[in-house]
Amino acid sequence: STVVNPWGEVIAKAGAEETVVYTDI
């Protein structure tokens, strides 16, 4: 699971395991 910003940068990313990904928009 991933979050990408408008510049195309990955700013948060999970691996394969169960987790919660947090990021500030």
PDBML (XML) file of the C-alpha atoms, coordinates in Angstrom:
<?xml version="1.0" encoding="UTF-8" ?>
<PDBx:datablock datablockName="MODEL"
   xmlns:PDBx="http://pdbml.pdb.org/schema/pdbx-v50.xsd"
   xmlns:xsi="http://www.w3.org/2001/XMLSchema-instance"
   xsi:schemaLocation="http://pdbml.pdb.org/schema/pdbx-v50.xsd pdbx-v50.xsd">
   <PDBx:atom_siteCategory>
      <PDBx:atom_site id="1">
         <PDBx:B_iso_or_equiv>0.00</PDBx:B_iso_or_equiv>
         <PDBx:Cartn_x>0.000</PDBx:Cartn_x>
         <PDBx:Cartn_y>0.000</PDBx:Cartn_y>
         <PDBx:Cartn_z>0.000</PDBx:Cartn_z>
         <PDBx:auth_asym_id>A</PDBx:auth_asym_id>
         <PDBx:auth_atom_id>CA</PDBx:auth_atom_id>
         <PDBx:auth_comp_id>SER</PDBx:auth_comp_id>
         <PDBx:auth_seq_id>1</PDBx:auth_seq_id>
         <PDBx:group_PDB>ATOM</PDBx:group_PDB>
         <PDBx:label_alt_id xsi:nil="true" />
         <PDBx:label_asym_id>A</PDBx:label_asym_id>
         <PDBx:label_atom_id>CA</PDBx:label_atom_id>
         <PDBx:label_comp_id>SER</PDBx:label_comp_id>
         <PDBx:label_entity_id>1</PDBx:label_entity_id>
         <PDBx:label_seq_id>1</PDBx:label_seq_id>
         <PDBx:occupancy>1.00</PDBx:occupancy>
         <PDBx:pdbx_PDB_model_num>1</PDBx:pdbx_PDB_model_num>
         <PDBx:type_symbol>C</PDBx:type_symbol>
      </PDBx:atom_site>
      <PDBx:atom_site id="2">
         <PDBx:B_iso_or_equiv>0.00</PDBx:B_iso_or_equiv>
         <PDBx:Cartn_x>1.445</PDBx:Cartn_x>
         <PDBx:Cartn_y>3.339</PDBx:Cartn_y>
         <PDBx:Cartn_z>-1.103</PDBx:Cartn_z>
         <PDBx:auth_asym_id>A</PDBx:auth_asym_id>
         <PDBx:auth_atom_id>CA</PDBx:auth_atom_id>
         <PDBx:auth_comp_id>THR</PDBx:auth_comp_id>
         <PDBx:auth_seq_id>2</PDBx:auth_seq_id>
         <PDBx:group_PDB>ATOM</PDBx:group_PDB>
         <PDBx:label_alt_id xsi:nil="true" />
         <PDBx:label_asym_id>A</PDBx:label_asym_id>
         <PDBx:label_atom_id>CA</PDBx:label_atom_id>
         <PDBx:label_comp_id>THR</PDBx:label_comp_id>
         <PDBx:label_entity_id>1</PDBx:label_entity_id>
         <PDBx:label_seq_id>2</PDBx:label_seq_id>
         <PDBx:occupancy>1.00</PDBx:occupancy>
         <PDBx:pdbx_PDB_model_num>1</PDBx:pdbx_PDB_model_num>
         <PDBx:type_symbol>C</PDBx:type_symbol>
      </PDBx:atom_site>
      <PDBx:atom_site id="3">
         <PDBx:B_iso_or_equiv>0.00</PDBx:B_iso_or_equiv>
         <PDBx:Cartn_x>0.979</PDBx:Cartn_x>
         <PDBx:Cartn_y>7.114</PDBx:Cartn_y>
         <PDBx:Cartn_z>-1.095</PDBx:Cartn_z>
         <PDBx:auth_asym_id>A</PDBx:auth_asym_id>
         <PDBx:auth_atom_id>CA</PDBx:auth_atom_id>
         <PDBx:auth_comp_id>VAL</PDBx:auth_comp_id>
         <PDBx:auth_seq_id>3</PDBx:auth_seq_id>
         <PDBx:group_PDB>ATOM</PDBx:group_PDB>
         <PDBx:label_alt_id xsi:nil="true" />
         <PDBx:label_asym_id>A</PDBx:label_asym_id>
         <PDBx:label_atom_id>CA</PDBx:label_atom_id>
         <PDBx:label_comp_id>VAL</PDBx:label_comp_id>
         <PDBx:label_entity_id>1</PDBx:label_entity_id>
         <PDBx:label_seq_id>3</PDBx:label_seq_id>
         <PDBx:occupancy>1.00</PDBx:occupancy>
         <PDBx:pdbx_PDB_model_num>1</PDBx:pdbx_PDB_model_num>
         <PDBx:type_symbol>C</PDBx:type_symbol>
      </PDBx:atom_site>
      <PDBx:atom_site id="4">
         <PDBx:B_iso_or_equiv>0.00</PDBx:B_iso_or_equiv>
         <PDBx:Cartn_x>2.491</PDBx:Cartn_x>
         <PDBx:Cartn_y>9.249</PDBx:Cartn_y>
         <PDBx:Cartn_z>-3.882</PDBx:Cartn_z>
         <PDBx:auth_asym_id>A</PDBx:auth_asym_id>
         <PDBx:auth_atom_id>CA</PDBx:auth_atom_id>
         <PDBx:auth_comp_id>VAL</PDBx:auth_comp_id>
         <PDBx:auth_seq_id>4</PDBx:auth_seq_id>
         <PDBx:group_PDB>ATOM</PDBx:group_PDB>
         <PDBx:label_alt_id xsi:nil="true" />
         <PDBx:label_asym_id>A</PDBx:label_asym_id>
         <PDBx:label_atom_id>CA</PDBx:label_atom_id>
         <PDBx:label_comp_id>VAL</PDBx:label_comp_id>
         <PDBx:label_entity_id>1</PDBx:label_entity_id>
         <PDBx:label_seq_id>4</PDBx:label_seq_id>
         <PDBx:occupancy>1.00</PDBx:occupancy>
         <PDBx:pdbx_PDB_model_num>1</PDBx:pdbx_PDB_model_num>
         <PDBx:type_symbol>C</PDBx:type_symbol>
      </PDBx:atom_site>
      <PDBx:atom_site id="5">
         <PDBx:B_iso_or_equiv>0.00</PDBx:B_iso_or_equiv>
         <PDBx:Cartn_x>2.615</PDBx:Cartn_x>
         <PDBx:Cartn_y>13.055</PDBx:Cartn_y>
         <PDBx:Cartn_z>-3.820</PDBx:Cartn_z>
         <PDBx:auth_asym_id>A</PDBx:auth_asym_id>
         <PDBx:auth_atom_id>CA</PDBx:auth_atom_id>
         <PDBx:auth_comp_id>ASN</PDBx:auth_comp_id>
         <PDBx:auth_seq_id>5</PDBx:auth_seq_id>
         <PDBx:group_PDB>ATOM</PDBx:group_PDB>
         <PDBx:label_alt_id xsi:nil="true" />
         <PDBx:label_asym_id>A</PDBx:label_asym_id>
         <PDBx:label_atom_id>CA</PDBx:label_atom_id>
         <PDBx:label_comp_id>ASN</PDBx:label_comp_id>
         <PDBx:label_entity_id>1</PDBx:label_entity_id>
         <PDBx:label_seq_id>5</PDBx:label_seq_id>
         <PDBx:occupancy>1.00</PDBx:occupancy>
         <PDBx:pdbx_PDB_model_num>1</PDBx:pdbx_PDB_model_num>
         <PDBx:type_symbol>C</PDBx:type_symbol>
      </PDBx:atom_site>
      <PDBx:atom_site id="6">
         <PDBx:B_iso_or_equiv>0.00</PDBx:B_iso_or_equiv>
         <PDBx:Cartn_x>1.949</PDBx:Cartn_x>
         <PDBx:Cartn_y>15.401</PDBx:Cartn_y>
         <PDBx:Cartn_z>-6.771</PDBx:Cartn_z>
         <PDBx:auth_asym_id>A</PDBx:auth_asym_id>
         <PDBx:auth_atom_id>CA</PDBx:auth_atom_id>
         <PDBx:auth_comp_id>PRO</PDBx:auth_comp_id>
         <PDBx:auth_seq_id>6</PDBx:auth_seq_id>
         <PDBx:group_PDB>ATOM</PDBx:group_PDB>
         <PDBx:label_alt_id xsi:nil="true" />
         <PDBx:label_asym_id>A</PDBx:label_asym_id>
         <PDBx:label_atom_id>CA</PDBx:label_atom_id>
         <PDBx:label_comp_id>PRO</PDBx:label_comp_id>
         <PDBx:label_entity_id>1</PDBx:label_entity_id>
         <PDBx:label_seq_id>6</PDBx:label_seq_id>
         <PDBx:occupancy>1.00</PDBx:occupancy>
         <PDBx:pdbx_PDB_model_num>1</PDBx:pdbx_PDB_model_num>
         <PDBx:type_symbol>C</PDBx:type_symbol>
      </PDBx:atom_site>
      <PDBx:atom_site id="7">
         <PDBx:B_iso_or_equiv>0.00</PDBx:B_iso_or_equiv>
         <PDBx:Cartn_x>5.686</PDBx:Cartn_x>
         <PDBx:Cartn_y>15.517</PDBx:Cartn_y>
         <PDBx:Cartn_z>-7.551</PDBx:Cartn_z>
         <PDBx:auth_asym_id>A</PDBx:auth_asym_id>
         <PDBx:auth_atom_id>CA</PDBx:auth_atom_id>
         <PDBx:auth_comp_id>TRP</PDBx:auth_comp_id>
         <PDBx:auth_seq_id>7</PDBx:auth_seq_id>
         <PDBx:group_PDB>ATOM</PDBx:group_PDB>
         <PDBx:label_alt_id xsi:nil="true" />
         <PDBx:label_asym_id>A</PDBx:label_asym_id>
         <PDBx:label_atom_id>CA</PDBx:label_atom_id>
         <PDBx:label_comp_id>TRP</PDBx:label_comp_id>
         <PDBx:label_entity_id>1</PDBx:label_entity_id>
         <PDBx:label_seq_id>7</PDBx:label_seq_id>
         <PDBx:occupancy>1.00</PDBx:occupancy>
         <PDBx:pdbx_PDB_model_num>1</PDBx:pdbx_PDB_model_num>
         <PDBx:type_symbol>C</PDBx:type_symbol>
      </PDBx:atom_site>
      <PDBx:atom_site id="8">
         <PDBx:B_iso_or_equiv>0.00</PDBx:B_iso_or_equiv>
         <PDBx:Cartn_x>5.629</PDBx:Cartn_x>
         <PDBx:Cartn_y>11.762</PDBx:Cartn_y>
         <PDBx:Cartn_z>-8.134</PDBx:Cartn_z>
         <PDBx:auth_asym_id>A</PDBx:auth_asym_id>
         <PDBx:auth_atom_id>CA</PDBx:auth_atom_id>
         <PDBx:auth_comp_id>GLY</PDBx:auth_comp_id>
         <PDBx:auth_seq_id>8</PDBx:auth_seq_id>
         <PDBx:group_PDB>ATOM</PDBx:group_PDB>
         <PDBx:label_alt_id xsi:nil="true" />
         <PDBx:label_asym_id>A</PDBx:label_asym_id>
         <PDBx:label_atom_id>CA</PDBx:label_atom_id>
         <PDBx:label_comp_id>GLY</PDBx:label_comp_id>
         <PDBx:label_entity_id>1</PDBx:label_entity_id>
         <PDBx:label_seq_id>8</PDBx:label_seq_id>
         <PDBx:occupancy>1.00</PDBx:occupancy>
         <PDBx:pdbx_PDB_model_num>1</PDBx:pdbx_PDB_model_num>
         <PDBx:type_symbol>C</PDBx:type_symbol>
      </PDBx:atom_site>
      <PDBx:atom_site id="9">
         <PDBx:B_iso_or_equiv>0.00</PDBx:B_iso_or_equiv>
         <PDBx:Cartn_x>7.500</PDBx:Cartn_x>
         <PDBx:Cartn_y>10.927</PDBx:Cartn_y>
         <PDBx:Cartn_z>-4.934</PDBx:Cartn_z>
         <PDBx:auth_asym_id>A</PDBx:auth_asym_id>
         <PDBx:auth_atom_id>CA</PDBx:auth_atom_id>
         <PDBx:auth_comp_id>GLU</PDBx:auth_comp_id>
         <PDBx:auth_seq_id>9</PDBx:auth_seq_id>
         <PDBx:group_PDB>ATOM</PDBx:group_PDB>
         <PDBx:label_alt_id xsi:nil="true" />
         <PDBx:label_asym_id>A</PDBx:label_asym_id>
         <PDBx:label_atom_id>CA</PDBx:label_atom_id>
         <PDBx:label_comp_id>GLU</PDBx:label_comp_id>
         <PDBx:label_entity_id>1</PDBx:label_entity_id>
         <PDBx:label_seq_id>9</PDBx:label_seq_id>
         <PDBx:occupancy>1.00</PDBx:occupancy>
         <PDBx:pdbx_PDB_model_num>1</PDBx:pdbx_PDB_model_num>
         <PDBx:type_symbol>C</PDBx:type_symbol>
      </PDBx:atom_site>
      <PDBx:atom_site id="10">
         <PDBx:B_iso_or_equiv>0.00</PDBx:B_iso_or_equiv>
         <PDBx:Cartn_x>6.577</PDBx:Cartn_x>
         <PDBx:Cartn_y>7.890</PDBx:Cartn_y>
         <PDBx:Cartn_z>-2.848</PDBx:Cartn_z>
         <PDBx:auth_asym_id>A</PDBx:auth_asym_id>
         <PDBx:auth_atom_id>CA</PDBx:auth_atom_id>
         <PDBx:auth_comp_id>VAL</PDBx:auth_comp_id>
         <PDBx:auth_seq_id>10</PDBx:auth_seq_id>
         <PDBx:group_PDB>ATOM</PDBx:group_PDB>
         <PDBx:label_alt_id xsi:nil="true" />
         <PDBx:label_asym_id>A</PDBx:label_asym_id>
         <PDBx:label_atom_id>CA</PDBx:label_atom_id>
         <PDBx:label_comp_id>VAL</PDBx:label_comp_id>
         <PDBx:label_entity_id>1</PDBx:label_entity_id>
         <PDBx:label_seq_id>10</PDBx:label_seq_id>
         <PDBx:occupancy>1.00</PDBx:occupancy>
         <PDBx:pdbx_PDB_model_num>1</PDBx:pdbx_PDB_model_num>
         <PDBx:type_symbol>C</PDBx:type_symbol>
      </PDBx:atom_site>
      <PDBx:atom_site id="11">
         <PDBx:B_iso_or_equiv>0.00</PDBx:B_iso_or_equiv>
         <PDBx:Cartn_x>6.020</PDBx:Cartn_x>
         <PDBx:Cartn_y>9.383</PDBx:Cartn_y>
         <PDBx:Cartn_z>0.600</PDBx:Cartn_z>
         <PDBx:auth_asym_id>A</PDBx:auth_asym_id>
         <PDBx:auth_atom_id>CA</PDBx:auth_atom_id>
         <PDBx:auth_comp_id>ILE</PDBx:auth_comp_id>
         <PDBx:auth_seq_id>11</PDBx:auth_seq_id>
         <PDBx:group_PDB>ATOM</PDBx:group_PDB>
         <PDBx:label_alt_id xsi:nil="true" />
         <PDBx:label_asym_id>A</PDBx:label_asym_id>
         <PDBx:label_atom_id>CA</PDBx:label_atom_id>
         <PDBx:label_comp_id>ILE</PDBx:label_comp_id>
         <PDBx:label_entity_id>1</PDBx:label_entity_id>
         <PDBx:label_seq_id>11</PDBx:label_seq_id>
         <PDBx:occupancy>1.00</PDBx:occupancy>
         <PDBx:pdbx_PDB_model_num>1</PDBx:pdbx_PDB_model_num>
         <PDBx:type_symbol>C</PDBx:type_symbol>
      </PDBx:atom_site>
      <PDBx:atom_site id="12">
         <PDBx:B_iso_or_equiv>0.00</PDBx:B_iso_or_equiv>
         <PDBx:Cartn_x>4.696</PDBx:Cartn_x>
         <PDBx:Cartn_y>6.288</PDBx:Cartn_y>
         <PDBx:Cartn_z>2.386</PDBx:Cartn_z>
         <PDBx:auth_asym_id>A</PDBx:auth_asym_id>
         <PDBx:auth_atom_id>CA</PDBx:auth_atom_id>
         <PDBx:auth_comp_id>ALA</PDBx:auth_comp_id>
         <PDBx:auth_seq_id>12</PDBx:auth_seq_id>
         <PDBx:group_PDB>ATOM</PDBx:group_PDB>
         <PDBx:label_alt_id xsi:nil="true" />
         <PDBx:label_asym_id>A</PDBx:label_asym_id>
         <PDBx:label_atom_id>CA</PDBx:label_atom_id>
         <PDBx:label_comp_id>ALA</PDBx:label_comp_id>
         <PDBx:label_entity_id>1</PDBx:label_entity_id>
         <PDBx:label_seq_id>12</PDBx:label_seq_id>
         <PDBx:occupancy>1.00</PDBx:occupancy>
         <PDBx:pdbx_PDB_model_num>1</PDBx:pdbx_PDB_model_num>
         <PDBx:type_symbol>C</PDBx:type_symbol>
      </PDBx:atom_site>
      <PDBx:atom_site id="13">
         <PDBx:B_iso_or_equiv>0.00</PDBx:B_iso_or_equiv>
         <PDBx:Cartn_x>4.826</PDBx:Cartn_x>
         <PDBx:Cartn_y>2.595</PDBx:Cartn_y>
         <PDBx:Cartn_z>1.545</PDBx:Cartn_z>
         <PDBx:auth_asym_id>A</PDBx:auth_asym_id>
         <PDBx:auth_atom_id>CA</PDBx:auth_atom_id>
         <PDBx:auth_comp_id>LYS</PDBx:auth_comp_id>
         <PDBx:auth_seq_id>13</PDBx:auth_seq_id>
         <PDBx:group_PDB>ATOM</PDBx:group_PDB>
         <PDBx:label_alt_id xsi:nil="true" />
         <PDBx:label_asym_id>A</PDBx:label_asym_id>
         <PDBx:label_atom_id>CA</PDBx:label_atom_id>
         <PDBx:label_comp_id>LYS</PDBx:label_comp_id>
         <PDBx:label_entity_id>1</PDBx:label_entity_id>
         <PDBx:label_seq_id>13</PDBx:label_seq_id>
         <PDBx:occupancy>1.00</PDBx:occupancy>
         <PDBx:pdbx_PDB_model_num>1</PDBx:pdbx_PDB_model_num>
         <PDBx:type_symbol>C</PDBx:type_symbol>
      </PDBx:atom_site>
      <PDBx:atom_site id="14">
         <PDBx:B_iso_or_equiv>0.00</PDBx:B_iso_or_equiv>
         <PDBx:Cartn_x>4.083</PDBx:Cartn_x>
         <PDBx:Cartn_y>-0.714</PDBx:Cartn_y>
         <PDBx:Cartn_z>3.244</PDBx:Cartn_z>
         <PDBx:auth_asym_id>A</PDBx:auth_asym_id>
         <PDBx:auth_atom_id>CA</PDBx:auth_atom_id>
         <PDBx:auth_comp_id>ALA</PDBx:auth_comp_id>
         <PDBx:auth_seq_id>14</PDBx:auth_seq_id>
         <PDBx:group_PDB>ATOM</PDBx:group_PDB>
         <PDBx:label_alt_id xsi:nil="true" />
         <PDBx:label_asym_id>A</PDBx:label_asym_id>
         <PDBx:label_atom_id>CA</PDBx:label_atom_id>
         <PDBx:label_comp_id>ALA</PDBx:label_comp_id>
         <PDBx:label_entity_id>1</PDBx:label_entity_id>
         <PDBx:label_seq_id>14</PDBx:label_seq_id>
         <PDBx:occupancy>1.00</PDBx:occupancy>
         <PDBx:pdbx_PDB_model_num>1</PDBx:pdbx_PDB_model_num>
         <PDBx:type_symbol>C</PDBx:type_symbol>
      </PDBx:atom_site>
      <PDBx:atom_site id="15">
         <PDBx:B_iso_or_equiv>0.00</PDBx:B_iso_or_equiv>
         <PDBx:Cartn_x>5.776</PDBx:Cartn_x>
         <PDBx:Cartn_y>-4.038</PDBx:Cartn_y>
         <PDBx:Cartn_z>2.726</PDBx:Cartn_z>
         <PDBx:auth_asym_id>A</PDBx:auth_asym_id>
         <PDBx:auth_atom_id>CA</PDBx:auth_atom_id>
         <PDBx:auth_comp_id>GLY</PDBx:auth_comp_id>
         <PDBx:auth_seq_id>15</PDBx:auth_seq_id>
         <PDBx:group_PDB>ATOM</PDBx:group_PDB>
         <PDBx:label_alt_id xsi:nil="true" />
         <PDBx:label_asym_id>A</PDBx:label_asym_id>
         <PDBx:label_atom_id>CA</PDBx:label_atom_id>
         <PDBx:label_comp_id>GLY</PDBx:label_comp_id>
         <PDBx:label_entity_id>1</PDBx:label_entity_id>
         <PDBx:label_seq_id>15</PDBx:label_seq_id>
         <PDBx:occupancy>1.00</PDBx:occupancy>
         <PDBx:pdbx_PDB_model_num>1</PDBx:pdbx_PDB_model_num>
         <PDBx:type_symbol>C</PDBx:type_symbol>
      </PDBx:atom_site>
      <PDBx:atom_site id="16">
         <PDBx:B_iso_or_equiv>0.00</PDBx:B_iso_or_equiv>
         <PDBx:Cartn_x>3.842</PDBx:Cartn_x>
         <PDBx:Cartn_y>-7.267</PDBx:Cartn_y>
         <PDBx:Cartn_z>2.294</PDBx:Cartn_z>
         <PDBx:auth_asym_id>A</PDBx:auth_asym_id>
         <PDBx:auth_atom_id>CA</PDBx:auth_atom_id>
         <PDBx:auth_comp_id>ALA</PDBx:auth_comp_id>
         <PDBx:auth_seq_id>16</PDBx:auth_seq_id>
         <PDBx:group_PDB>ATOM</PDBx:group_PDB>
         <PDBx:label_alt_id xsi:nil="true" />
         <PDBx:label_asym_id>A</PDBx:label_asym_id>
         <PDBx:label_atom_id>CA</PDBx:label_atom_id>
         <PDBx:label_comp_id>ALA</PDBx:label_comp_id>
         <PDBx:label_entity_id>1</PDBx:label_entity_id>
         <PDBx:label_seq_id>16</PDBx:label_seq_id>
         <PDBx:occupancy>1.00</PDBx:occupancy>
         <PDBx:pdbx_PDB_model_num>1</PDBx:pdbx_PDB_model_num>
         <PDBx:type_symbol>C</PDBx:type_symbol>
      </PDBx:atom_site>
      <PDBx:atom_site id="17">
         <PDBx:B_iso_or_equiv>0.00</PDBx:B_iso_or_equiv>
         <PDBx:Cartn_x>2.681</PDBx:Cartn_x>
         <PDBx:Cartn_y>-7.795</PDBx:Cartn_y>
         <PDBx:Cartn_z>5.888</PDBx:Cartn_z>
         <PDBx:auth_asym_id>A</PDBx:auth_asym_id>
         <PDBx:auth_atom_id>CA</PDBx:auth_atom_id>
         <PDBx:auth_comp_id>GLU</PDBx:auth_comp_id>
         <PDBx:auth_seq_id>17</PDBx:auth_seq_id>
         <PDBx:group_PDB>ATOM</PDBx:group_PDB>
         <PDBx:label_alt_id xsi:nil="true" />
         <PDBx:label_asym_id>A</PDBx:label_asym_id>
         <PDBx:label_atom_id>CA</PDBx:label_atom_id>
         <PDBx:label_comp_id>GLU</PDBx:label_comp_id>
         <PDBx:label_entity_id>1</PDBx:label_entity_id>
         <PDBx:label_seq_id>17</PDBx:label_seq_id>
         <PDBx:occupancy>1.00</PDBx:occupancy>
         <PDBx:pdbx_PDB_model_num>1</PDBx:pdbx_PDB_model_num>
         <PDBx:type_symbol>C</PDBx:type_symbol>
      </PDBx:atom_site>
      <PDBx:atom_site id="18">
         <PDBx:B_iso_or_equiv>0.00</PDBx:B_iso_or_equiv>
         <PDBx:Cartn_x>-0.396</PDBx:Cartn_x>
         <PDBx:Cartn_y>-6.517</PDBx:Cartn_y>
         <PDBx:Cartn_z>7.733</PDBx:Cartn_z>
         <PDBx:auth_asym_id>A</PDBx:auth_asym_id>
         <PDBx:auth_atom_id>CA</PDBx:auth_atom_id>
         <PDBx:auth_comp_id>GLU</PDBx:auth_comp_id>
         <PDBx:auth_seq_id>18</PDBx:auth_seq_id>
         <PDBx:group_PDB>ATOM</PDBx:group_PDB>
         <PDBx:label_alt_id xsi:nil="true" />
         <PDBx:label_asym_id>A</PDBx:label_asym_id>
         <PDBx:label_atom_id>CA</PDBx:label_atom_id>
         <PDBx:label_comp_id>GLU</PDBx:label_comp_id>
         <PDBx:label_entity_id>1</PDBx:label_entity_id>
         <PDBx:label_seq_id>18</PDBx:label_seq_id>
         <PDBx:occupancy>1.00</PDBx:occupancy>
         <PDBx:pdbx_PDB_model_num>1</PDBx:pdbx_PDB_model_num>
         <PDBx:type_symbol>C</PDBx:type_symbol>
      </PDBx:atom_site>
      <PDBx:atom_site id="19">
         <PDBx:B_iso_or_equiv>0.00</PDBx:B_iso_or_equiv>
         <PDBx:Cartn_x>0.197</PDBx:Cartn_x>
         <PDBx:Cartn_y>-2.921</PDBx:Cartn_y>
         <PDBx:Cartn_z>8.792</PDBx:Cartn_z>
         <PDBx:auth_asym_id>A</PDBx:auth_asym_id>
         <PDBx:auth_atom_id>CA</PDBx:auth_atom_id>
         <PDBx:auth_comp_id>THR</PDBx:auth_comp_id>
         <PDBx:auth_seq_id>19</PDBx:auth_seq_id>
         <PDBx:group_PDB>ATOM</PDBx:group_PDB>
         <PDBx:label_alt_id xsi:nil="true" />
         <PDBx:label_asym_id>A</PDBx:label_asym_id>
         <PDBx:label_atom_id>CA</PDBx:label_atom_id>
         <PDBx:label_comp_id>THR</PDBx:label_comp_id>
         <PDBx:label_entity_id>1</PDBx:label_entity_id>
         <PDBx:label_seq_id>19</PDBx:label_seq_id>
         <PDBx:occupancy>1.00</PDBx:occupancy>
         <PDBx:pdbx_PDB_model_num>1</PDBx:pdbx_PDB_model_num>
         <PDBx:type_symbol>C</PDBx:type_symbol>
      </PDBx:atom_site>
      <PDBx:atom_site id="20">
         <PDBx:B_iso_or_equiv>0.00</PDBx:B_iso_or_equiv>
         <PDBx:Cartn_x>-1.292</PDBx:Cartn_x>
         <PDBx:Cartn_y>0.563</PDBx:Cartn_y>
         <PDBx:Cartn_z>8.887</PDBx:Cartn_z>
         <PDBx:auth_asym_id>A</PDBx:auth_asym_id>
         <PDBx:auth_atom_id>CA</PDBx:auth_atom_id>
         <PDBx:auth_comp_id>VAL</PDBx:auth_comp_id>
         <PDBx:auth_seq_id>20</PDBx:auth_seq_id>
         <PDBx:group_PDB>ATOM</PDBx:group_PDB>
         <PDBx:label_alt_id xsi:nil="true" />
         <PDBx:label_asym_id>A</PDBx:label_asym_id>
         <PDBx:label_atom_id>CA</PDBx:label_atom_id>
         <PDBx:label_comp_id>VAL</PDBx:label_comp_id>
         <PDBx:label_entity_id>1</PDBx:label_entity_id>
         <PDBx:label_seq_id>20</PDBx:label_seq_id>
         <PDBx:occupancy>1.00</PDBx:occupancy>
         <PDBx:pdbx_PDB_model_num>1</PDBx:pdbx_PDB_model_num>
         <PDBx:type_symbol>C</PDBx:type_symbol>
      </PDBx:atom_site>
      <PDBx:atom_site id="21">
         <PDBx:B_iso_or_equiv>0.00</PDBx:B_iso_or_equiv>
         <PDBx:Cartn_x>0.403</PDBx:Cartn_x>
         <PDBx:Cartn_y>3.206</PDBx:Cartn_y>
         <PDBx:Cartn_z>6.730</PDBx:Cartn_z>
         <PDBx:auth_asym_id>A</PDBx:auth_asym_id>
         <PDBx:auth_atom_id>CA</PDBx:auth_atom_id>
         <PDBx:auth_comp_id>VAL</PDBx:auth_comp_id>
         <PDBx:auth_seq_id>21</PDBx:auth_seq_id>
         <PDBx:group_PDB>ATOM</PDBx:group_PDB>
         <PDBx:label_alt_id xsi:nil="true" />
         <PDBx:label_asym_id>A</PDBx:label_asym_id>
         <PDBx:label_atom_id>CA</PDBx:label_atom_id>
         <PDBx:label_comp_id>VAL</PDBx:label_comp_id>
         <PDBx:label_entity_id>1</PDBx:label_entity_id>
         <PDBx:label_seq_id>21</PDBx:label_seq_id>
         <PDBx:occupancy>1.00</PDBx:occupancy>
         <PDBx:pdbx_PDB_model_num>1</PDBx:pdbx_PDB_model_num>
         <PDBx:type_symbol>C</PDBx:type_symbol>
      </PDBx:atom_site>
      <PDBx:atom_site id="22">
         <PDBx:B_iso_or_equiv>0.00</PDBx:B_iso_or_equiv>
         <PDBx:Cartn_x>0.145</PDBx:Cartn_x>
         <PDBx:Cartn_y>6.821</PDBx:Cartn_y>
         <PDBx:Cartn_z>7.877</PDBx:Cartn_z>
         <PDBx:auth_asym_id>A</PDBx:auth_asym_id>
         <PDBx:auth_atom_id>CA</PDBx:auth_atom_id>
         <PDBx:auth_comp_id>TYR</PDBx:auth_comp_id>
         <PDBx:auth_seq_id>22</PDBx:auth_seq_id>
         <PDBx:group_PDB>ATOM</PDBx:group_PDB>
         <PDBx:label_alt_id xsi:nil="true" />
         <PDBx:label_asym_id>A</PDBx:label_asym_id>
         <PDBx:label_atom_id>CA</PDBx:label_atom_id>
         <PDBx:label_comp_id>TYR</PDBx:label_comp_id>
         <PDBx:label_entity_id>1</PDBx:label_entity_id>
         <PDBx:label_seq_id>22</PDBx:label_seq_id>
         <PDBx:occupancy>1.00</PDBx:occupancy>
         <PDBx:pdbx_PDB_model_num>1</PDBx:pdbx_PDB_model_num>
         <PDBx:type_symbol>C</PDBx:type_symbol>
      </PDBx:atom_site>
      <PDBx:atom_site id="23">
         <PDBx:B_iso_or_equiv>0.00</PDBx:B_iso_or_equiv>
         <PDBx:Cartn_x>0.959</PDBx:Cartn_x>
         <PDBx:Cartn_y>9.966</PDBx:Cartn_y>
         <PDBx:Cartn_z>5.952</PDBx:Cartn_z>
         <PDBx:auth_asym_id>A</PDBx:auth_asym_id>
         <PDBx:auth_atom_id>CA</PDBx:auth_atom_id>
         <PDBx:auth_comp_id>THR</PDBx:auth_comp_id>
         <PDBx:auth_seq_id>23</PDBx:auth_seq_id>
         <PDBx:group_PDB>ATOM</PDBx:group_PDB>
         <PDBx:label_alt_id xsi:nil="true" />
         <PDBx:label_asym_id>A</PDBx:label_asym_id>
         <PDBx:label_atom_id>CA</PDBx:label_atom_id>
         <PDBx:label_comp_id>THR</PDBx:label_comp_id>
         <PDBx:label_entity_id>1</PDBx:label_entity_id>
         <PDBx:label_seq_id>23</PDBx:label_seq_id>
         <PDBx:occupancy>1.00</PDBx:occupancy>
         <PDBx:pdbx_PDB_model_num>1</PDBx:pdbx_PDB_model_num>
         <PDBx:type_symbol>C</PDBx:type_symbol>
      </PDBx:atom_site>
      <PDBx:atom_site id="24">
         <PDBx:B_iso_or_equiv>0.00</PDBx:B_iso_or_equiv>
         <PDBx:Cartn_x>0.069</PDBx:Cartn_x>
         <PDBx:Cartn_y>13.646</PDBx:Cartn_y>
         <PDBx:Cartn_z>6.089</PDBx:Cartn_z>
         <PDBx:auth_asym_id>A</PDBx:auth_asym_id>
         <PDBx:auth_atom_id>CA</PDBx:auth_atom_id>
         <PDBx:auth_comp_id>ASP</PDBx:auth_comp_id>
         <PDBx:auth_seq_id>24</PDBx:auth_seq_id>
         <PDBx:group_PDB>ATOM</PDBx:group_PDB>
         <PDBx:label_alt_id xsi:nil="true" />
         <PDBx:label_asym_id>A</PDBx:label_asym_id>
         <PDBx:label_atom_id>CA</PDBx:label_atom_id>
         <PDBx:label_comp_id>ASP</PDBx:label_comp_id>
         <PDBx:label_entity_id>1</PDBx:label_entity_id>
         <PDBx:label_seq_id>24</PDBx:label_seq_id>
         <PDBx:occupancy>1.00</PDBx:occupancy>
         <PDBx:pdbx_PDB_model_num>1</PDBx:pdbx_PDB_model_num>
         <PDBx:type_symbol>C</PDBx:type_symbol>
      </PDBx:atom_site>
      <PDBx:atom_site id="25">
         <PDBx:B_iso_or_equiv>0.00</PDBx:B_iso_or_equiv>
         <PDBx:Cartn_x>-1.540</PDBx:Cartn_x>
         <PDBx:Cartn_y>15.063</PDBx:Cartn_y>
         <PDBx:Cartn_z>2.953</PDBx:Cartn_z>
         <PDBx:auth_asym_id>A</PDBx:auth_asym_id>
         <PDBx:auth_atom_id>CA</PDBx:auth_atom_id>
         <PDBx:auth_comp_id>ILE</PDBx:auth_comp_id>
         <PDBx:auth_seq_id>25</PDBx:auth_seq_id>
         <PDBx:group_PDB>ATOM</PDBx:group_PDB>
         <PDBx:label_alt_id xsi:nil="true" />
         <PDBx:label_asym_id>A</PDBx:label_asym_id>
         <PDBx:label_atom_id>CA</PDBx:label_atom_id>
         <PDBx:label_comp_id>ILE</PDBx:label_comp_id>
         <PDBx:label_entity_id>1</PDBx:label_entity_id>
         <PDBx:label_seq_id>25</PDBx:label_seq_id>
         <PDBx:occupancy>1.00</PDBx:occupancy>
         <PDBx:pdbx_PDB_model_num>1</PDBx:pdbx_PDB_model_num>
         <PDBx:type_symbol>C</PDBx:type_symbol>
      </PDBx:atom_site>
   </PDBx:atom_siteCategory>
</PDBx:datablock>
